[in-house]
Every structure is written in structure tokens, then in C-alpha cells.
Amino acid sequence: MQPVAVVTLVGVALTVLVLAVYLVTVAWILRHVSFTLGTVIAGLRAIANQTEPLDEVITEMDKDLEDVKLALEALVAKAGQKTA
């Protein structure tokens, strides 16, 4: 074999090796990113499930506060009648 052919084969082998290492590194990084995104998605779903019933609770609290407001207005009106 001629020295030029040997140098060409060595160059091709090194290029393939570098590309293989690069692709394995990218695959490893993507695997890590995929795992992290899966964890974040699971956390977001858990938060969404835990905060879902808030609408009913807030509606009930609003009703209770409306009752308190009416009671306070009645007390103020009663107090105004006693002082007048």
C-alpha cells in the first residue's frame, strides 16, 4: 500500500471515530434532557391535579363572604337605628 492511501484510511478512521463520539455524546445529552422534561411534566400534572378543586372552594368562600357582608350590613343598619 502506498503511504498516501494509509494516511487517507487513518484520516477517515479518525473522522468516523470523532463523529461517533460526538453522536454518542449528543444522544446522552438528549437522554438526560428527556428525563428532566419528563420529571417536569410529571410535576406540572401533579400541581394541576392538586389545584383543580380550587374553583369549588373559592365559590363556596365567596358565598360565605357574601353572607358575612349581609350580616355586617344588617348590624350597621341596626346600630344606626339605635343611635338615631
C-alpha atoms as a PDB file:
ATOM      1  CA  MET A   1       0.000   0.000   0.000  1.00  0.00           C
ATOM      2  CA  GLN A   2       1.121   3.495  -0.741  1.00  0.00           C
ATOM      3  CA  PRO A   3       1.678   5.896   2.135  1.00  0.00           C
ATOM      4  CA  VAL A   4      -0.975   8.269   0.762  1.00  0.00           C
ATOM      5  CA  ALA A   5      -3.600   5.507   0.959  1.00  0.00           C
ATOM      6  CA  VAL A   6      -2.582   4.680   4.534  1.00  0.00           C
ATOM      7  CA  VAL A   7      -2.825   8.339   5.554  1.00  0.00           C
ATOM      8  CA  THR A   8      -6.235   8.610   3.874  1.00  0.00           C
ATOM      9  CA  LEU A   9      -7.520   5.487   5.664  1.00  0.00           C
ATOM     10  CA  VAL A  10      -6.212   6.745   9.007  1.00  0.00           C
ATOM     11  CA  GLY A  11      -7.851  10.133   8.384  1.00  0.00           C
ATOM     12  CA  VAL A  12     -11.174   8.503   7.515  1.00  0.00           C
ATOM     13  CA  ALA A  13     -10.953   6.270  10.595  1.00  0.00           C
ATOM     14  CA  LEU A  14     -10.251   9.261  12.855  1.00  0.00           C
ATOM     15  CA  THR A  15     -13.116  11.217  11.286  1.00  0.00           C
ATOM     16  CA  VAL A  16     -15.527   8.312  11.826  1.00  0.00           C
ATOM     17  CA  LEU A  17     -14.298   7.907  15.407  1.00  0.00           C
ATOM     18  CA  VAL A  18     -14.741  11.608  16.191  1.00  0.00           C
ATOM     19  CA  LEU A  19     -18.234  11.624  14.660  1.00  0.00           C
ATOM     20  CA  ALA A  20     -19.187   8.516  16.622  1.00  0.00           C
ATOM     21  CA  VAL A  21     -18.028  10.067  19.896  1.00  0.00           C
ATOM     22  CA  TYR A  22     -19.886  13.268  19.035  1.00  0.00           C
ATOM     23  CA  LEU A  23     -23.121  11.425  18.241  1.00  0.00           C
ATOM     24  CA  VAL A  24     -22.914   9.304  21.400  1.00  0.00           C
ATOM     25  CA  THR A  25     -22.414  12.484  23.438  1.00  0.00           C
ATOM     26  CA  VAL A  26     -25.427  14.136  21.794  1.00  0.00           C
ATOM     27  CA  ALA A  27     -27.523  11.027  22.427  1.00  0.00           C
ATOM     28  CA  TRP A  28     -26.503  11.012  26.100  1.00  0.00           C
ATOM     29  CA  ILE A  29     -27.369  14.707  26.492  1.00  0.00           C
ATOM     30  CA  LEU A  30     -30.739  14.212  24.786  1.00  0.00           C
ATOM     31  CA  ARG A  31     -31.483  11.279  27.072  1.00  0.00           C
ATOM     32  CA  HIS A  32     -30.753  13.447  30.110  1.00  0.00           C
ATOM     33  CA  VAL A  33     -32.911  16.280  28.743  1.00  0.00           C
ATOM     34  CA  SER A  34     -35.745  13.854  28.023  1.00  0.00           C
ATOM     35  CA  PHE A  35     -35.605  12.521  31.593  1.00  0.00           C
ATOM     36  CA  THR A  36     -35.600  16.057  33.023  1.00  0.00           C
ATOM     37  CA  LEU A  37     -38.544  17.113  30.852  1.00  0.00           C
ATOM     38  CA  GLY A  38     -40.449  14.013  31.924  1.00  0.00           C
ATOM     39  CA  THR A  39     -39.861  14.926  35.552  1.00  0.00           C
ATOM     40  CA  VAL A  40     -41.023  18.496  34.973  1.00  0.00           C
ATOM     41  CA  ILE A  41     -44.156  17.327  33.141  1.00  0.00           C
ATOM     42  CA  ALA A  42     -44.994  14.917  35.955  1.00  0.00           C
ATOM     43  CA  GLY A  43     -44.588  17.738  38.488  1.00  0.00           C
ATOM     44  CA  LEU A  44     -46.798  20.079  36.469  1.00  0.00           C
ATOM     45  CA  ARG A  45     -49.507  17.438  36.205  1.00  0.00           C
ATOM     46  CA  ALA A  46     -49.354  16.887  39.962  1.00  0.00           C
ATOM     47  CA  ILE A  47     -49.710  20.630  40.580  1.00  0.00           C
ATOM     48  CA  ALA A  48     -52.625  20.827  38.138  1.00  0.00           C
ATOM     49  CA  ASN A  49     -54.382  17.931  39.886  1.00  0.00           C
ATOM     50  CA  GLN A  50     -53.852  19.436  43.326  1.00  0.00           C
ATOM     51  CA  THR A  51     -55.117  22.886  42.346  1.00  0.00           C
ATOM     52  CA  GLU A  52     -58.074  21.662  40.289  1.00  0.00           C
ATOM     53  CA  PRO A  53     -60.690  21.749  43.075  1.00  0.00           C
ATOM     54  CA  LEU A  54     -59.882  25.362  43.992  1.00  0.00           C
ATOM     55  CA  ASP A  55     -62.711  26.695  41.845  1.00  0.00           C
ATOM     56  CA  GLU A  56     -65.333  24.982  44.005  1.00  0.00           C
ATOM     57  CA  VAL A  57     -63.649  26.095  47.228  1.00  0.00           C
ATOM     58  CA  ILE A  58     -63.346  29.704  46.065  1.00  0.00           C
ATOM     59  CA  THR A  59     -67.010  29.765  45.001  1.00  0.00           C
ATOM     60  CA  GLU A  60     -68.044  28.471  48.429  1.00  0.00           C
ATOM     61  CA  MET A  61     -65.809  31.022  50.176  1.00  0.00           C
ATOM     62  CA  ASP A  62     -67.311  33.800  48.055  1.00  0.00           C
ATOM     63  CA  LYS A  63     -70.815  32.721  49.090  1.00  0.00           C
ATOM     64  CA  ASP A  64     -69.786  32.640  52.755  1.00  0.00           C
ATOM     65  CA  LEU A  65     -68.225  36.091  52.474  1.00  0.00           C
ATOM     66  CA  GLU A  66     -71.393  37.419  50.849  1.00  0.00           C
ATOM     67  CA  ASP A  67     -73.348  36.106  53.863  1.00  0.00           C
ATOM     68  CA  VAL A  68     -70.881  37.819  56.212  1.00  0.00           C
ATOM     69  CA  LYS A  69     -71.233  41.071  54.259  1.00  0.00           C
ATOM     70  CA  LEU A  70     -75.017  40.953  54.516  1.00  0.00           C
ATOM     71  CA  ALA A  71     -74.824  40.230  58.263  1.00  0.00           C
ATOM     72  CA  LEU A  72     -72.433  43.140  58.802  1.00  0.00           C
ATOM     73  CA  GLU A  73     -74.646  45.472  56.799  1.00  0.00           C
ATOM     74  CA  ALA A  74     -77.597  44.426  58.952  1.00  0.00           C
ATOM     75  CA  LEU A  75     -75.574  45.125  62.105  1.00  0.00           C
ATOM     76  CA  VAL A  76     -74.541  48.544  60.820  1.00  0.00           C
ATOM     77  CA  ALA A  77     -78.142  49.363  59.944  1.00  0.00           C
ATOM     78  CA  LYS A  78     -79.285  48.208  63.379  1.00  0.00           C
ATOM     79  CA  ALA A  79     -76.578  50.253  65.091  1.00  0.00           C
ATOM     80  CA  GLY A  80     -77.570  53.275  63.008  1.00  0.00           C
ATOM     81  CA  GLN A  81     -81.195  52.939  64.106  1.00  0.00           C
ATOM     82  CA  LYS A  82     -80.243  52.795  67.816  1.00  0.00           C
ATOM     83  CA  THR A  83     -78.123  55.951  67.630  1.00  0.00           C
ATOM     84  CA  ALA A  84     -80.657  57.960  65.625  1.00  0.00           C
END
